[in-house]
Amino acid sequence: CQDRLISNGAQLTKILLYSFLEKSSDCAFASELCALKNQLVSEQDDDDELQTDGNRFGQPEDNEEEIFRIIGAQLAEIGDQLAAEIDPSLIQNLVRQFMAENMSKEAITNHLSQAVKEVVRRMPLEMERERAMLVVAMVLAKKVANTVPSLLQQVFSTTVNYINQNLRDYVNNLEPEVI
């Protein structure tokens, strides 16, 4: 049962981030986003095996998926307002990290985490810290993908890992009206 919850949470994070990217303005990676959607649907189909208890492993409820799509769209509006405040040199540094061939997934996730902390530290906290961290992580993913669209899948995966490692409880307790 615990594995199911972990997989379900990871799937909801993917839905949240995908919806954020899809609803964000000024995205230069539309074709890569389409390919990512096809990959995510394929992953969902692969996980769509019936378990011995008759449940589908790792599949969020349809209602739950729709809630996370709505939240992703709401966060995209906040992210669009925040995007202009992020230092372009920070984005260029992240792009270099993502493009470095000898970087481990953990090292790249750590670089993303440091970038999120730096941006959150510099901004006036008009929203709670966890929400700010979530929005900043997703905005950074969007900006890196805008700079080098071919990095979208890697950036997406790294951002999902970052969110699941640092903000899982916060994300699992999100509700549309809270945003």
N, C-alpha and C. Protein backbone atom coordinates (compact mmCIF):
# COMPACT_ATOMS: atom_id res chain seq x y z
N CYS A 1 0.83 -1.20 0.00
CA CYS A 1 0.00 0.00 0.00
C CYS A 1 0.87 1.26 0.00
N GLN A 2 1.96 1.26 0.75
CA GLN A 2 2.85 2.41 0.79
C GLN A 2 3.44 2.70 -0.59
N ASP A 3 3.85 1.66 -1.32
CA ASP A 3 4.37 1.86 -2.67
C ASP A 3 3.34 2.55 -3.53
N ARG A 4 2.08 2.18 -3.37
CA ARG A 4 1.01 2.78 -4.16
C ARG A 4 0.89 4.27 -3.86
N LEU A 5 1.00 4.63 -2.59
CA LEU A 5 0.92 6.05 -2.22
C LEU A 5 2.09 6.84 -2.80
N ILE A 6 3.28 6.27 -2.74
CA ILE A 6 4.45 6.96 -3.27
C ILE A 6 4.30 7.15 -4.78
N SER A 7 3.92 6.11 -5.46
CA SER A 7 3.75 6.20 -6.91
C SER A 7 2.64 7.19 -7.24
N ASN A 8 1.55 7.14 -6.50
CA ASN A 8 0.43 8.04 -6.72
C ASN A 8 0.87 9.48 -6.52
N GLY A 9 1.63 9.76 -5.47
CA GLY A 9 2.12 11.11 -5.22
C GLY A 9 3.04 11.59 -6.32
N ALA A 10 3.91 10.72 -6.81
CA ALA A 10 4.82 11.09 -7.90
C ALA A 10 4.02 11.40 -9.15
N GLN A 11 2.99 10.62 -9.42
CA GLN A 11 2.16 10.86 -10.60
C GLN A 11 1.43 12.21 -10.47
N LEU A 12 0.95 12.53 -9.29
CA LEU A 12 0.26 13.81 -9.09
C LEU A 12 1.23 14.98 -9.25
N THR A 13 2.47 14.81 -8.81
CA THR A 13 3.47 15.86 -9.01
C THR A 13 3.72 16.08 -10.49
N LYS A 14 3.79 14.99 -11.26
CA LYS A 14 3.97 15.11 -12.71
C LYS A 14 2.79 15.85 -13.34
N ILE A 15 1.58 15.53 -12.91
CA ILE A 15 0.38 16.20 -13.43
C ILE A 15 0.43 17.68 -13.09
N LEU A 16 0.80 18.00 -11.86
CA LEU A 16 0.89 19.38 -11.40
C LEU A 16 1.90 20.17 -12.24
N LEU A 17 3.10 19.63 -12.40
CA LEU A 17 4.15 20.33 -13.14
C LEU A 17 3.79 20.43 -14.63
N TYR A 18 3.26 19.36 -15.19
CA TYR A 18 2.88 19.40 -16.61
C TYR A 18 1.82 20.48 -16.84
N SER A 19 0.82 20.52 -15.98
CA SER A 19 -0.24 21.52 -16.11
C SER A 19 0.33 22.93 -15.97
N PHE A 20 1.25 23.12 -15.04
CA PHE A 20 1.91 24.40 -14.86
C PHE A 20 2.60 24.83 -16.16
N LEU A 21 3.38 23.93 -16.74
CA LEU A 21 4.11 24.25 -17.97
C LEU A 21 3.15 24.50 -19.13
N GLU A 22 2.12 23.68 -19.21
CA GLU A 22 1.15 23.81 -20.30
C GLU A 22 0.40 25.14 -20.25
N LYS A 23 0.11 25.61 -19.06
CA LYS A 23 -0.68 26.84 -18.89
C LYS A 23 0.16 28.10 -18.76
N SER A 24 1.48 27.95 -18.64
CA SER A 24 2.36 29.11 -18.53
C SER A 24 2.40 29.86 -19.85
N SER A 25 2.59 31.16 -19.75
CA SER A 25 2.71 31.96 -20.97
C SER A 25 4.15 31.92 -21.47
N ASP A 26 4.33 32.30 -22.72
CA ASP A 26 5.66 32.43 -23.33
C ASP A 26 6.51 31.17 -23.26
N CYS A 27 5.94 30.04 -23.63
CA CYS A 27 6.71 28.79 -23.65
C CYS A 27 7.26 28.55 -25.05
N ALA A 28 8.57 28.34 -25.12
CA ALA A 28 9.24 28.12 -26.40
C ALA A 28 9.46 26.64 -26.68
N PHE A 29 8.76 25.78 -25.92
CA PHE A 29 9.02 24.35 -26.03
C PHE A 29 7.74 23.56 -26.26
N ALA A 30 6.86 24.08 -27.10
CA ALA A 30 5.56 23.44 -27.34
C ALA A 30 5.69 22.03 -27.90
N SER A 31 6.56 21.81 -28.88
CA SER A 31 6.68 20.47 -29.46
C SER A 31 7.29 19.50 -28.44
N GLU A 32 8.24 19.97 -27.64
CA GLU A 32 8.83 19.13 -26.60
C GLU A 32 7.80 18.81 -25.52
N LEU A 33 6.91 19.76 -25.23
CA LEU A 33 5.87 19.53 -24.24
C LEU A 33 4.89 18.47 -24.74
N CYS A 34 4.60 18.50 -26.03
CA CYS A 34 3.73 17.49 -26.63
C CYS A 34 4.37 16.10 -26.52
N ALA A 35 5.66 16.02 -26.81
CA ALA A 35 6.38 14.74 -26.69
C ALA A 35 6.39 14.27 -25.23
N LEU A 36 6.56 15.22 -24.30
CA LEU A 36 6.55 14.87 -22.88
C LEU A 36 5.18 14.33 -22.48
N LYS A 37 4.12 14.94 -22.97
CA LYS A 37 2.77 14.46 -22.66
C LYS A 37 2.61 13.03 -23.15
N ASN A 38 3.07 12.75 -24.36
CA ASN A 38 2.97 11.39 -24.90
C ASN A 38 3.75 10.40 -24.02
N GLN A 39 4.92 10.82 -23.54
CA GLN A 39 5.71 9.96 -22.66
C GLN A 39 4.98 9.71 -21.34
N LEU A 40 4.38 10.76 -20.77
CA LEU A 40 3.66 10.61 -19.50
C LEU A 40 2.45 9.70 -19.66
N VAL A 41 1.74 9.84 -20.77
CA VAL A 41 0.58 8.97 -21.02
C VAL A 41 1.05 7.53 -21.16
N SER A 42 2.17 7.32 -21.85
CA SER A 42 2.74 5.99 -22.02
C SER A 42 3.13 5.39 -20.67
N GLU A 43 3.74 6.21 -19.80
CA GLU A 43 4.10 5.74 -18.46
C GLU A 43 2.86 5.34 -17.69
N GLN A 44 1.80 6.12 -17.80
CA GLN A 44 0.56 5.82 -17.12
C GLN A 44 -0.01 4.50 -17.63
N ASP A 45 0.04 4.29 -18.94
CA ASP A 45 -0.45 3.04 -19.51
C ASP A 45 0.36 1.85 -19.02
N ASP A 46 1.68 2.03 -18.90
CA ASP A 46 2.54 0.96 -18.40
C ASP A 46 2.21 0.60 -16.96
N ASP A 47 1.83 1.59 -16.17
CA ASP A 47 1.51 1.38 -14.75
C ASP A 47 0.07 0.91 -14.56
N ASP A 48 -0.65 0.79 -15.63
CA ASP A 48 -2.09 0.54 -15.57
C ASP A 48 -2.44 -0.93 -15.41
N GLU A 49 -1.61 -1.66 -14.66
CA GLU A 49 -1.86 -3.08 -14.47
C GLU A 49 -2.78 -3.27 -13.27
N LEU A 50 -3.70 -4.23 -13.39
CA LEU A 50 -4.57 -4.54 -12.27
C LEU A 50 -3.78 -5.28 -11.20
N GLN A 51 -3.97 -4.88 -9.97
CA GLN A 51 -3.33 -5.55 -8.86
C GLN A 51 -4.25 -6.68 -8.38
N THR A 52 -3.74 -7.51 -7.49
CA THR A 52 -4.53 -8.65 -7.02
C THR A 52 -5.80 -8.19 -6.30
N ASP A 53 -5.79 -6.97 -5.75
CA ASP A 53 -6.99 -6.48 -5.07
C ASP A 53 -7.93 -5.77 -6.03
N GLY A 54 -7.59 -5.74 -7.33
CA GLY A 54 -8.47 -5.14 -8.33
C GLY A 54 -8.21 -3.66 -8.57
N ASN A 55 -7.30 -3.06 -7.82
CA ASN A 55 -7.01 -1.64 -8.00
C ASN A 55 -5.94 -1.45 -9.06
N ARG A 56 -5.97 -0.28 -9.70
CA ARG A 56 -4.93 0.07 -10.66
C ARG A 56 -3.78 0.67 -9.89
N PHE A 57 -2.60 0.10 -10.07
CA PHE A 57 -1.42 0.55 -9.33
C PHE A 57 -0.99 1.94 -9.78
N GLY A 58 -0.78 2.82 -8.80
CA GLY A 58 -0.18 4.11 -9.07
C GLY A 58 -1.05 5.10 -9.82
N GLN A 59 -2.32 4.84 -9.92
CA GLN A 59 -3.19 5.74 -10.68
C GLN A 59 -3.99 6.63 -9.73
N PRO A 60 -3.82 7.93 -9.85
CA PRO A 60 -4.62 8.83 -9.04
C PRO A 60 -6.08 8.78 -9.50
N GLU A 61 -6.95 9.10 -8.61
CA GLU A 61 -8.36 9.20 -8.97
C GLU A 61 -8.51 10.28 -10.04
N ASP A 62 -9.47 10.10 -10.96
CA ASP A 62 -9.68 11.11 -12.01
C ASP A 62 -9.97 12.47 -11.41
N ASN A 63 -10.77 12.53 -10.35
CA ASN A 63 -11.09 13.79 -9.69
C ASN A 63 -9.83 14.43 -9.11
N GLU A 64 -8.98 13.59 -8.54
CA GLU A 64 -7.73 14.08 -7.96
C GLU A 64 -6.83 14.65 -9.07
N GLU A 65 -6.76 13.97 -10.19
CA GLU A 65 -5.98 14.46 -11.33
C GLU A 65 -6.49 15.82 -11.78
N GLU A 66 -7.79 15.97 -11.88
CA GLU A 66 -8.38 17.24 -12.33
C GLU A 66 -8.06 18.36 -11.34
N ILE A 67 -8.10 18.06 -10.05
CA ILE A 67 -7.77 19.05 -9.03
C ILE A 67 -6.32 19.52 -9.22
N PHE A 68 -5.40 18.59 -9.47
CA PHE A 68 -4.00 18.96 -9.63
C PHE A 68 -3.76 19.70 -10.94
N ARG A 69 -4.57 19.44 -11.96
CA ARG A 69 -4.47 20.23 -13.20
C ARG A 69 -4.91 21.68 -12.93
N ILE A 70 -5.97 21.84 -12.18
CA ILE A 70 -6.48 23.18 -11.84
C ILE A 70 -5.43 23.93 -11.01
N ILE A 71 -4.86 23.25 -10.03
CA ILE A 71 -3.84 23.89 -9.19
C ILE A 71 -2.64 24.28 -10.03
N GLY A 72 -2.22 23.40 -10.94
CA GLY A 72 -1.09 23.71 -11.83
C GLY A 72 -1.36 24.95 -12.64
N ALA A 73 -2.58 25.09 -13.16
CA ALA A 73 -2.95 26.27 -13.94
C ALA A 73 -2.93 27.53 -13.06
N GLN A 74 -3.42 27.41 -11.84
CA GLN A 74 -3.41 28.55 -10.92
C GLN A 74 -1.98 28.96 -10.57
N LEU A 75 -1.12 27.97 -10.34
CA LEU A 75 0.27 28.26 -10.02
C LEU A 75 0.98 28.88 -11.22
N ALA A 76 0.57 28.52 -12.44
CA ALA A 76 1.17 29.10 -13.65
C ALA A 76 0.92 30.60 -13.70
N GLU A 77 -0.25 31.03 -13.27
CA GLU A 77 -0.55 32.47 -13.23
C GLU A 77 0.39 33.18 -12.26
N ILE A 78 0.60 32.59 -11.10
CA ILE A 78 1.53 33.17 -10.13
C ILE A 78 2.94 33.15 -10.69
N GLY A 79 3.32 32.04 -11.31
CA GLY A 79 4.66 31.89 -11.88
C GLY A 79 4.94 32.90 -12.98
N ASP A 80 3.92 33.19 -13.81
CA ASP A 80 4.10 34.17 -14.88
C ASP A 80 4.45 35.55 -14.31
N GLN A 81 3.84 35.89 -13.17
CA GLN A 81 4.13 37.17 -12.52
C GLN A 81 5.53 37.18 -11.92
N LEU A 82 5.96 36.04 -11.40
CA LEU A 82 7.25 35.93 -10.73
C LEU A 82 8.42 35.82 -11.71
N ALA A 83 8.18 35.28 -12.89
CA ALA A 83 9.25 34.93 -13.84
C ALA A 83 10.17 36.09 -14.15
N ALA A 84 9.64 37.29 -14.29
CA ALA A 84 10.45 38.45 -14.67
C ALA A 84 11.45 38.84 -13.59
N GLU A 85 11.21 38.43 -12.37
CA GLU A 85 12.08 38.81 -11.26
C GLU A 85 13.30 37.91 -11.10
N ILE A 86 13.38 36.84 -11.88
CA ILE A 86 14.49 35.89 -11.73
C ILE A 86 15.67 36.33 -12.58
N ASP A 87 16.83 36.39 -11.95
CA ASP A 87 18.06 36.82 -12.60
C ASP A 87 18.43 35.89 -13.75
N PRO A 88 18.58 36.43 -14.97
CA PRO A 88 18.93 35.58 -16.12
C PRO A 88 20.23 34.81 -15.94
N SER A 89 21.18 35.34 -15.17
CA SER A 89 22.44 34.62 -14.95
C SER A 89 22.21 33.34 -14.15
N LEU A 90 21.22 33.35 -13.27
CA LEU A 90 20.87 32.15 -12.51
C LEU A 90 20.34 31.07 -13.46
N ILE A 91 19.55 31.47 -14.43
CA ILE A 91 19.02 30.54 -15.42
C ILE A 91 20.15 29.98 -16.28
N GLN A 92 21.07 30.85 -16.71
CA GLN A 92 22.19 30.39 -17.53
C GLN A 92 23.05 29.39 -16.76
N ASN A 93 23.23 29.63 -15.49
CA ASN A 93 24.00 28.70 -14.66
C ASN A 93 23.29 27.34 -14.57
N LEU A 94 21.98 27.36 -14.38
CA LEU A 94 21.22 26.11 -14.33
C LEU A 94 21.29 25.38 -15.68
N VAL A 95 21.18 26.12 -16.76
CA VAL A 95 21.28 25.51 -18.09
C VAL A 95 22.62 24.79 -18.22
N ARG A 96 23.70 25.43 -17.80
CA ARG A 96 25.02 24.80 -17.87
C ARG A 96 25.06 23.52 -17.04
N GLN A 97 24.43 23.55 -15.87
CA GLN A 97 24.41 22.36 -15.01
C GLN A 97 23.66 21.22 -15.69
N PHE A 98 22.52 21.54 -16.29
CA PHE A 98 21.72 20.51 -16.96
C PHE A 98 22.44 19.95 -18.19
N MET A 99 23.26 20.76 -18.82
CA MET A 99 23.95 20.33 -20.04
C MET A 99 25.26 19.59 -19.74
N ALA A 100 25.75 19.69 -18.50
CA ALA A 100 26.99 19.01 -18.14
C ALA A 100 26.76 17.50 -18.16
N GLU A 101 27.53 16.81 -18.97
CA GLU A 101 27.31 15.38 -19.17
C GLU A 101 27.72 14.53 -17.98
N ASN A 102 28.64 15.00 -17.17
CA ASN A 102 29.14 14.17 -16.07
C ASN A 102 28.40 14.44 -14.75
N MET A 103 27.30 15.16 -14.79
CA MET A 103 26.55 15.47 -13.57
C MET A 103 25.58 14.34 -13.23
N SER A 104 25.57 13.94 -11.98
CA SER A 104 24.61 12.93 -11.54
C SER A 104 23.24 13.59 -11.35
N LYS A 105 22.21 12.78 -11.31
CA LYS A 105 20.86 13.30 -11.08
C LYS A 105 20.80 14.02 -9.73
N GLU A 106 21.47 13.46 -8.74
CA GLU A 106 21.47 14.06 -7.41
C GLU A 106 22.14 15.44 -7.43
N ALA A 107 23.25 15.54 -8.14
CA ALA A 107 23.96 16.82 -8.21
C ALA A 107 23.11 17.88 -8.91
N ILE A 108 22.45 17.50 -9.98
CA ILE A 108 21.60 18.45 -10.70
C ILE A 108 20.42 18.87 -9.82
N THR A 109 19.83 17.90 -9.10
CA THR A 109 18.73 18.22 -8.18
C THR A 109 19.22 19.17 -7.10
N ASN A 110 20.44 18.96 -6.61
CA ASN A 110 21.02 19.86 -5.60
C ASN A 110 21.21 21.27 -6.16
N HIS A 111 21.65 21.38 -7.41
CA HIS A 111 21.80 22.70 -8.03
C HIS A 111 20.44 23.40 -8.15
N LEU A 112 19.42 22.64 -8.54
CA LEU A 112 18.07 23.21 -8.62
C LEU A 112 17.62 23.67 -7.24
N SER A 113 17.87 22.85 -6.24
CA SER A 113 17.49 23.20 -4.87
C SER A 113 18.16 24.48 -4.40
N GLN A 114 19.46 24.62 -4.70
CA GLN A 114 20.18 25.85 -4.33
C GLN A 114 19.62 27.06 -5.06
N ALA A 115 19.27 26.89 -6.33
CA ALA A 115 18.70 28.00 -7.10
C ALA A 115 17.35 28.41 -6.52
N VAL A 116 16.53 27.42 -6.16
CA VAL A 116 15.22 27.72 -5.55
C VAL A 116 15.43 28.51 -4.27
N LYS A 117 16.33 28.04 -3.42
CA LYS A 117 16.59 28.73 -2.14
C LYS A 117 17.05 30.17 -2.37
N GLU A 118 17.92 30.36 -3.36
CA GLU A 118 18.44 31.70 -3.65
C GLU A 118 17.32 32.64 -4.09
N VAL A 119 16.47 32.17 -4.98
CA VAL A 119 15.36 33.02 -5.47
C VAL A 119 14.38 33.31 -4.34
N VAL A 120 14.02 32.29 -3.57
CA VAL A 120 13.06 32.49 -2.47
C VAL A 120 13.63 33.44 -1.43
N ARG A 121 14.92 33.32 -1.17
CA ARG A 121 15.57 34.20 -0.18
C ARG A 121 15.49 35.66 -0.60
N ARG A 122 15.59 35.92 -1.90
CA ARG A 122 15.60 37.30 -2.42
C ARG A 122 14.21 37.91 -2.57
N MET A 123 13.19 37.09 -2.58
CA MET A 123 11.85 37.64 -2.85
C MET A 123 11.12 37.95 -1.55
N PRO A 124 10.28 39.00 -1.58
CA PRO A 124 9.45 39.27 -0.40
C PRO A 124 8.44 38.14 -0.27
N LEU A 125 8.38 37.56 0.91
CA LEU A 125 7.49 36.41 1.08
C LEU A 125 6.06 36.87 1.36
N GLU A 126 5.32 37.06 0.29
CA GLU A 126 3.91 37.40 0.40
C GLU A 126 3.08 36.13 0.43
N MET A 127 3.74 34.99 0.18
CA MET A 127 3.06 33.71 0.23
C MET A 127 3.87 32.80 1.15
N GLU A 128 3.25 31.72 1.58
CA GLU A 128 3.97 30.83 2.48
C GLU A 128 5.20 30.24 1.78
N ARG A 129 6.19 29.91 2.56
CA ARG A 129 7.50 29.48 2.05
C ARG A 129 7.38 28.26 1.12
N GLU A 130 6.61 27.26 1.50
CA GLU A 130 6.50 26.05 0.68
C GLU A 130 5.88 26.37 -0.67
N ARG A 131 4.87 27.20 -0.70
CA ARG A 131 4.25 27.58 -1.97
C ARG A 131 5.25 28.35 -2.83
N ALA A 132 6.00 29.26 -2.20
CA ALA A 132 7.01 30.01 -2.93
C ALA A 132 8.05 29.07 -3.53
N MET A 133 8.50 28.09 -2.75
CA MET A 133 9.49 27.13 -3.24
C MET A 133 8.93 26.32 -4.42
N LEU A 134 7.68 25.91 -4.32
CA LEU A 134 7.05 25.13 -5.39
C LEU A 134 6.95 25.95 -6.68
N VAL A 135 6.46 27.16 -6.57
CA VAL A 135 6.31 28.02 -7.75
C VAL A 135 7.67 28.35 -8.35
N VAL A 136 8.64 28.68 -7.51
CA VAL A 136 9.97 29.02 -8.02
C VAL A 136 10.59 27.82 -8.73
N ALA A 137 10.48 26.63 -8.17
CA ALA A 137 11.04 25.44 -8.83
C ALA A 137 10.42 25.25 -10.21
N MET A 138 9.12 25.43 -10.30
CA MET A 138 8.45 25.24 -11.59
C MET A 138 8.80 26.36 -12.58
N VAL A 139 8.94 27.59 -12.09
CA VAL A 139 9.34 28.70 -12.96
C VAL A 139 10.77 28.47 -13.48
N LEU A 140 11.65 28.00 -12.61
CA LEU A 140 13.02 27.72 -13.04
C LEU A 140 13.03 26.63 -14.11
N ALA A 141 12.21 25.60 -13.92
CA ALA A 141 12.12 24.54 -14.93
C ALA A 141 11.66 25.11 -16.27
N LYS A 142 10.65 25.97 -16.21
CA LYS A 142 10.14 26.59 -17.45
C LYS A 142 11.21 27.43 -18.12
N LYS A 143 11.92 28.23 -17.33
CA LYS A 143 12.92 29.13 -17.91
C LYS A 143 14.10 28.36 -18.51
N VAL A 144 14.51 27.27 -17.87
CA VAL A 144 15.59 26.45 -18.42
C VAL A 144 15.11 25.81 -19.73
N ALA A 145 13.90 25.29 -19.73
CA ALA A 145 13.35 24.66 -20.95
C ALA A 145 13.15 25.70 -22.05
N ASN A 146 12.80 26.93 -21.69
CA ASN A 146 12.68 27.99 -22.69
C ASN A 146 14.04 28.31 -23.31
N THR A 147 15.08 28.26 -22.51
CA THR A 147 16.42 28.56 -23.00
C THR A 147 16.94 27.45 -23.92
N VAL A 148 16.75 26.20 -23.49
CA VAL A 148 17.17 25.04 -24.29
C VAL A 148 16.03 24.02 -24.28
N PRO A 149 15.11 24.14 -25.24
CA PRO A 149 13.93 23.26 -25.25
C PRO A 149 14.23 21.76 -25.20
N SER A 150 15.37 21.35 -25.76
CA SER A 150 15.70 19.93 -25.76
C SER A 150 15.96 19.38 -24.35
N LEU A 151 16.12 20.26 -23.38
CA LEU A 151 16.34 19.84 -21.99
C LEU A 151 15.04 19.58 -21.23
N LEU A 152 13.89 19.78 -21.88
CA LEU A 152 12.62 19.71 -21.16
C LEU A 152 12.44 18.42 -20.38
N GLN A 153 12.64 17.27 -20.98
CA GLN A 153 12.40 16.01 -20.27
C GLN A 153 13.32 15.87 -19.05
N GLN A 154 14.58 16.24 -19.20
CA GLN A 154 15.51 16.15 -18.08
C GLN A 154 15.13 17.15 -16.98
N VAL A 155 14.78 18.36 -17.38
CA VAL A 155 14.38 19.39 -16.42
C VAL A 155 13.09 18.97 -15.70
N PHE A 156 12.16 18.42 -16.46
CA PHE A 156 10.89 17.96 -15.89
C PHE A 156 11.16 16.89 -14.83
N SER A 157 11.94 15.89 -15.18
CA SER A 157 12.25 14.79 -14.26
C SER A 157 12.96 15.30 -13.01
N THR A 158 13.93 16.18 -13.18
CA THR A 158 14.67 16.73 -12.05
C THR A 158 13.76 17.55 -11.14
N THR A 159 12.88 18.33 -11.74
CA THR A 159 11.96 19.16 -10.95
C THR A 159 10.97 18.30 -10.19
N VAL A 160 10.46 17.25 -10.82
CA VAL A 160 9.56 16.31 -10.12
C VAL A 160 10.30 15.69 -8.94
N ASN A 161 11.55 15.26 -9.14
CA ASN A 161 12.34 14.69 -8.05
C ASN A 161 12.53 15.70 -6.92
N TYR A 162 12.87 16.94 -7.29
CA TYR A 162 13.06 17.99 -6.28
C TYR A 162 11.78 18.19 -5.46
N ILE A 163 10.66 18.32 -6.16
CA ILE A 163 9.38 18.54 -5.47
C ILE A 163 9.06 17.36 -4.56
N ASN A 164 9.23 16.15 -5.06
CA ASN A 164 8.92 14.97 -4.25
C ASN A 164 9.84 14.83 -3.04
N GLN A 165 11.09 15.26 -3.18
CA GLN A 165 12.03 15.19 -2.06
C GLN A 165 11.80 16.27 -1.01
N ASN A 166 11.40 17.46 -1.47
CA ASN A 166 11.37 18.62 -0.56
C ASN A 166 9.97 19.13 -0.21
N LEU A 167 9.01 18.85 -1.05
CA LEU A 167 7.69 19.47 -0.86
C LEU A 167 6.54 18.46 -0.95
N ARG A 168 6.83 17.18 -0.78
CA ARG A 168 5.81 16.14 -0.96
C ARG A 168 4.58 16.38 -0.08
N ASP A 169 4.79 16.61 1.21
CA ASP A 169 3.64 16.80 2.10
C ASP A 169 2.84 18.03 1.70
N TYR A 170 3.53 19.11 1.35
CA TYR A 170 2.84 20.33 0.93
C TYR A 170 1.99 20.06 -0.31
N VAL A 171 2.58 19.42 -1.31
CA VAL A 171 1.87 19.14 -2.57
C VAL A 171 0.68 18.22 -2.32
N ASN A 172 0.88 17.20 -1.50
CA ASN A 172 -0.21 16.24 -1.24
C ASN A 172 -1.40 16.89 -0.54
N ASN A 173 -1.17 18.03 0.11
CA ASN A 173 -2.25 18.70 0.83
C ASN A 173 -2.78 19.93 0.11
N LEU A 174 -2.37 20.13 -1.14
CA LEU A 174 -2.86 21.28 -1.91
C LEU A 174 -4.32 21.10 -2.27
N GLU A 175 -5.02 22.20 -2.27
CA GLU A 175 -6.40 22.24 -2.75
C GLU A 175 -6.56 23.51 -3.56
N PRO A 176 -7.38 23.47 -4.63
CA PRO A 176 -7.49 24.63 -5.52
C PRO A 176 -7.82 25.94 -4.82
N GLU A 177 -8.71 25.92 -3.88
CA GLU A 177 -9.11 27.18 -3.25
C GLU A 177 -8.02 27.76 -2.37
N VAL A 178 -7.02 26.97 -1.98
CA VAL A 178 -5.92 27.43 -1.16
C VAL A 178 -5.02 28.35 -1.97
N ILE A 179 -4.88 28.07 -3.26
CA ILE A 179 -4.00 28.87 -4.12
C ILE A 179 -4.71 30.14 -4.42
